[in-house]
Amino acid sequence: MVYNEKLGKWIELFGMGIFRPEVTKPLGITKPVLAWGGGIERIAMLKYDLDDVREFYNNNLGWLRSTTKCQ
C-alpha cells in the first residue's frame, strides 16, 4: 500500500487473494491456495498521474500517442 496525495487515499500496489475452489478442484487441489502478484501498472499509474488503473486498458490511442514513454 502507498498513500497517493493527489487522490487523498491509500492505493494497493500488489493484488492478493485466494483462488476460488472451482479453479483449484479440477486440478485435484482441495486446500485453499493463496495468490498474489506485483502490479507494475499501479506504479505506472502513479508515474503517469492517472486516477484509475483501468485507463491503461481502454485503448485510448490519443493518450498513447501523446505520452512520450509509450511511443
Protein backbone atom coordinates (compact mmCIF):
# COMPACT_ATOMS: atom_id res chain seq x y z
CA MET A 1 0.00 0.00 0.00
CA VAL A 2 1.15 3.52 -0.74
CA TYR A 3 -0.54 6.82 0.03
CA ASN A 4 -1.44 8.88 -3.05
CA GLU A 5 -1.62 12.54 -2.05
CA LYS A 6 -3.46 13.59 -5.23
CA LEU A 7 -6.24 11.06 -4.66
CA GLY A 8 -6.10 11.53 -0.88
CA LYS A 9 -6.21 7.81 -0.23
CA TRP A 10 -4.15 4.64 0.02
CA ILE A 11 -3.80 2.56 -3.13
CA GLU A 12 -2.91 -1.10 -3.48
CA LEU A 13 0.34 -1.93 -5.30
CA PHE A 14 0.14 -5.71 -5.08
CA GLY A 15 -3.03 -7.72 -5.53
CA MET A 16 -3.70 -10.64 -3.21
CA GLY A 17 -6.43 -13.18 -2.71
CA ILE A 18 -7.43 -16.83 -2.64
CA PHE A 19 -8.17 -18.92 -5.72
CA ARG A 20 -11.81 -19.91 -5.99
CA PRO A 21 -12.49 -23.64 -5.41
CA GLU A 22 -13.91 -24.13 -8.92
CA VAL A 23 -10.47 -23.19 -10.26
CA THR A 24 -8.41 -25.46 -8.00
CA LYS A 25 -10.67 -28.54 -7.62
CA PRO A 26 -10.34 -29.65 -11.29
CA LEU A 27 -6.59 -29.76 -10.64
CA GLY A 28 -7.06 -32.03 -7.63
CA ILE A 29 -6.25 -29.30 -5.13
CA THR A 30 -8.58 -29.38 -2.13
CA LYS A 31 -6.89 -26.90 0.19
CA PRO A 32 -7.13 -23.08 -0.18
CA VAL A 33 -4.46 -21.60 -2.44
CA LEU A 34 -3.18 -18.06 -1.91
CA ALA A 35 -2.43 -15.87 -4.89
CA TRP A 36 -0.50 -12.62 -5.06
CA GLY A 37 1.33 -10.59 -7.64
CA GLY A 38 3.01 -7.29 -8.22
CA GLY A 39 1.07 -4.62 -10.01
CA ILE A 40 3.50 -2.81 -12.29
CA GLU A 41 0.54 -0.90 -13.74
CA ARG A 42 -0.16 0.55 -10.27
CA ILE A 43 3.34 2.00 -10.15
CA ALA A 44 2.96 3.29 -13.72
CA MET A 45 -0.37 4.84 -12.71
CA LEU A 46 1.49 6.99 -10.18
CA LYS A 47 4.21 7.87 -12.70
CA TYR A 48 1.73 8.94 -15.41
CA ASP A 49 -0.55 10.73 -12.92
CA LEU A 50 -3.61 8.59 -13.69
CA ASP A 51 -6.55 8.37 -11.29
CA ASP A 52 -7.75 4.93 -12.37
CA VAL A 53 -5.64 1.90 -13.29
CA ARG A 54 -8.29 0.87 -15.86
CA GLU A 55 -7.16 3.78 -18.06
CA PHE A 56 -4.26 1.58 -19.21
CA TYR A 57 -6.71 -0.91 -20.71
CA ASN A 58 -9.20 1.33 -22.54
CA ASN A 59 -7.23 1.52 -25.83
CA ASN A 60 -7.03 5.32 -25.86
CA LEU A 61 -4.73 5.87 -28.85
CA GLY A 62 -4.68 9.64 -28.30
CA TRP A 63 -3.25 9.14 -24.81
CA LEU A 64 -0.72 6.57 -26.05
CA ARG A 65 0.45 8.88 -28.83
CA SER A 66 0.76 11.88 -26.51
CA THR A 67 2.67 10.04 -23.76
CA THR A 68 6.37 10.16 -24.60
CA LYS A 69 7.33 6.92 -22.83
CA CYS A 70 4.64 4.98 -24.72
CA GLN A 71 5.82 5.97 -28.20
